[in-house]
Amino acid sequence: HVRNYSSGEWSTLATEAGLVVKQLLTDRLPLEFSSWVARMRTPEPLVEAIRLYQQSASAEVKAYFELQEDGSFTSDTIP
């Protein structure tokens, strides 16, 4: 896949389909960087670019995604 829909996008899709969203549950998924990029078959130059991007992120972004020194992070999920 290219990307996951955000919770807001899912809510909009449901509403546009005539459904009523009464409750939206969310969770956080911890992702270990090395296994994540291996699983996605990310080419090494892009792995390096992701790491540089993570390292240049603001403190707010690093806190939100719980970025670790090894590149591991958490991602929002809808269970």
C-alpha atoms as a PDB file:
ATOM      1  CA  HIS A   1       0.000   0.000   0.000  1.00  0.00           C
ATOM      2  CA  VAL A   2       1.031   3.596  -0.434  1.00  0.00           C
ATOM      3  CA  ARG A   3      -0.306   4.931   2.855  1.00  0.00           C
ATOM      4  CA  ASN A   4      -2.980   4.342   5.471  1.00  0.00           C
ATOM      5  CA  TYR A   5      -6.063   6.523   5.719  1.00  0.00           C
ATOM      6  CA  SER A   6      -6.154   8.789   8.785  1.00  0.00           C
ATOM      7  CA  SER A   7      -8.973   8.451  11.306  1.00  0.00           C
ATOM      8  CA  GLY A   8     -10.450  11.680   9.931  1.00  0.00           C
ATOM      9  CA  GLU A   9     -10.408  10.288   6.404  1.00  0.00           C
ATOM     10  CA  TRP A  10     -12.153   7.083   7.532  1.00  0.00           C
ATOM     11  CA  SER A  11     -14.755   9.159   9.351  1.00  0.00           C
ATOM     12  CA  THR A  12     -15.364  11.279   6.244  1.00  0.00           C
ATOM     13  CA  LEU A  13     -15.654   8.199   4.022  1.00  0.00           C
ATOM     14  CA  ALA A  14     -18.192   6.641   6.403  1.00  0.00           C
ATOM     15  CA  THR A  15     -20.222   9.857   6.626  1.00  0.00           C
ATOM     16  CA  GLU A  16     -20.203  10.311   2.845  1.00  0.00           C
ATOM     17  CA  ALA A  17     -21.479   6.726   2.519  1.00  0.00           C
ATOM     18  CA  GLY A  18     -24.462   7.626   4.715  1.00  0.00           C
ATOM     19  CA  LEU A  19     -23.159   5.984   7.876  1.00  0.00           C
ATOM     20  CA  VAL A  20     -23.141   7.570  11.317  1.00  0.00           C
ATOM     21  CA  VAL A  21     -19.894   7.380  13.285  1.00  0.00           C
ATOM     22  CA  LYS A  22     -20.797   7.116  16.964  1.00  0.00           C
ATOM     23  CA  GLN A  23     -17.358   6.295  18.296  1.00  0.00           C
ATOM     24  CA  LEU A  24     -13.863   6.133  16.832  1.00  0.00           C
ATOM     25  CA  LEU A  25     -11.300   4.011  18.626  1.00  0.00           C
ATOM     26  CA  THR A  26      -7.615   4.654  18.068  1.00  0.00           C
ATOM     27  CA  ASP A  27      -4.430   3.032  19.294  1.00  0.00           C
ATOM     28  CA  ARG A  28      -0.661   3.337  18.840  1.00  0.00           C
ATOM     29  CA  LEU A  29       1.463   0.736  17.051  1.00  0.00           C
ATOM     30  CA  PRO A  30       5.155   0.532  17.974  1.00  0.00           C
ATOM     31  CA  LEU A  31       7.359  -0.148  14.932  1.00  0.00           C
ATOM     32  CA  GLU A  32      10.971  -1.306  15.229  1.00  0.00           C
ATOM     33  CA  PHE A  33      12.833   0.569  12.500  1.00  0.00           C
ATOM     34  CA  SER A  34      15.183  -2.130  11.168  1.00  0.00           C
ATOM     35  CA  SER A  35      12.492  -4.783  10.811  1.00  0.00           C
ATOM     36  CA  TRP A  36      10.028  -2.216   9.412  1.00  0.00           C
ATOM     37  CA  VAL A  37      12.308  -1.086   6.559  1.00  0.00           C
ATOM     38  CA  ALA A  38      13.307  -4.718   5.875  1.00  0.00           C
ATOM     39  CA  ARG A  39       9.649  -5.787   5.715  1.00  0.00           C
ATOM     40  CA  MET A  40       8.889  -2.917   3.324  1.00  0.00           C
ATOM     41  CA  ARG A  41      11.991  -3.782   1.241  1.00  0.00           C
ATOM     42  CA  THR A  42      13.100  -0.172   1.472  1.00  0.00           C
ATOM     43  CA  PRO A  43      16.210   0.531  -0.639  1.00  0.00           C
ATOM     44  CA  GLU A  44      19.226   1.605   1.440  1.00  0.00           C
ATOM     45  CA  PRO A  45      19.349   5.180   0.045  1.00  0.00           C
ATOM     46  CA  LEU A  46      15.728   5.661   1.153  1.00  0.00           C
ATOM     47  CA  VAL A  47      16.453   4.128   4.573  1.00  0.00           C
ATOM     48  CA  GLU A  48      19.180   6.751   4.992  1.00  0.00           C
ATOM     49  CA  ALA A  49      16.794   9.490   3.825  1.00  0.00           C
ATOM     50  CA  ILE A  50      14.147   8.388   6.340  1.00  0.00           C
ATOM     51  CA  ARG A  51      16.730   8.458   9.151  1.00  0.00           C
ATOM     52  CA  LEU A  52      17.861  11.966   8.146  1.00  0.00           C
ATOM     53  CA  TYR A  53      14.238  13.089   7.992  1.00  0.00           C
ATOM     54  CA  GLN A  54      13.594  11.664  11.469  1.00  0.00           C
ATOM     55  CA  GLN A  55      16.709  13.318  12.875  1.00  0.00           C
ATOM     56  CA  SER A  56      15.708  16.710  11.474  1.00  0.00           C
ATOM     57  CA  ALA A  57      12.154  16.504  12.855  1.00  0.00           C
ATOM     58  CA  SER A  58      11.004  19.069  15.405  1.00  0.00           C
ATOM     59  CA  ALA A  59      10.853  18.166  19.085  1.00  0.00           C
ATOM     60  CA  GLU A  60       7.049  18.138  18.825  1.00  0.00           C
ATOM     61  CA  VAL A  61       7.091  15.608  15.972  1.00  0.00           C
ATOM     62  CA  LYS A  62       9.708  13.455  17.724  1.00  0.00           C
ATOM     63  CA  ALA A  63       7.570  13.403  20.860  1.00  0.00           C
ATOM     64  CA  TYR A  64       4.337  12.630  18.996  1.00  0.00           C
ATOM     65  CA  PHE A  65       5.812   9.684  17.098  1.00  0.00           C
ATOM     66  CA  GLU A  66       7.957   8.658  20.098  1.00  0.00           C
ATOM     67  CA  LEU A  67      11.016   8.565  17.824  1.00  0.00           C
ATOM     68  CA  GLN A  68      13.861   6.494  19.266  1.00  0.00           C
ATOM     69  CA  GLU A  69      17.607   6.810  18.617  1.00  0.00           C
ATOM     70  CA  ASP A  70      17.526   3.638  16.480  1.00  0.00           C
ATOM     71  CA  GLY A  71      14.729   5.069  14.301  1.00  0.00           C
ATOM     72  CA  SER A  72      11.925   3.063  15.900  1.00  0.00           C
ATOM     73  CA  PHE A  73       8.652   4.948  16.331  1.00  0.00           C
ATOM     74  CA  THR A  74       4.929   4.625  16.990  1.00  0.00           C
ATOM     75  CA  SER A  75       2.129   5.099  14.495  1.00  0.00           C
ATOM     76  CA  ASP A  76      -1.577   5.835  14.919  1.00  0.00           C
ATOM     77  CA  THR A  77      -3.915   2.929  14.198  1.00  0.00           C
ATOM     78  CA  ILE A  78      -7.621   2.224  14.148  1.00  0.00           C
ATOM     79  CA  PRO A  79      -8.113  -1.252  15.655  1.00  0.00           C
END
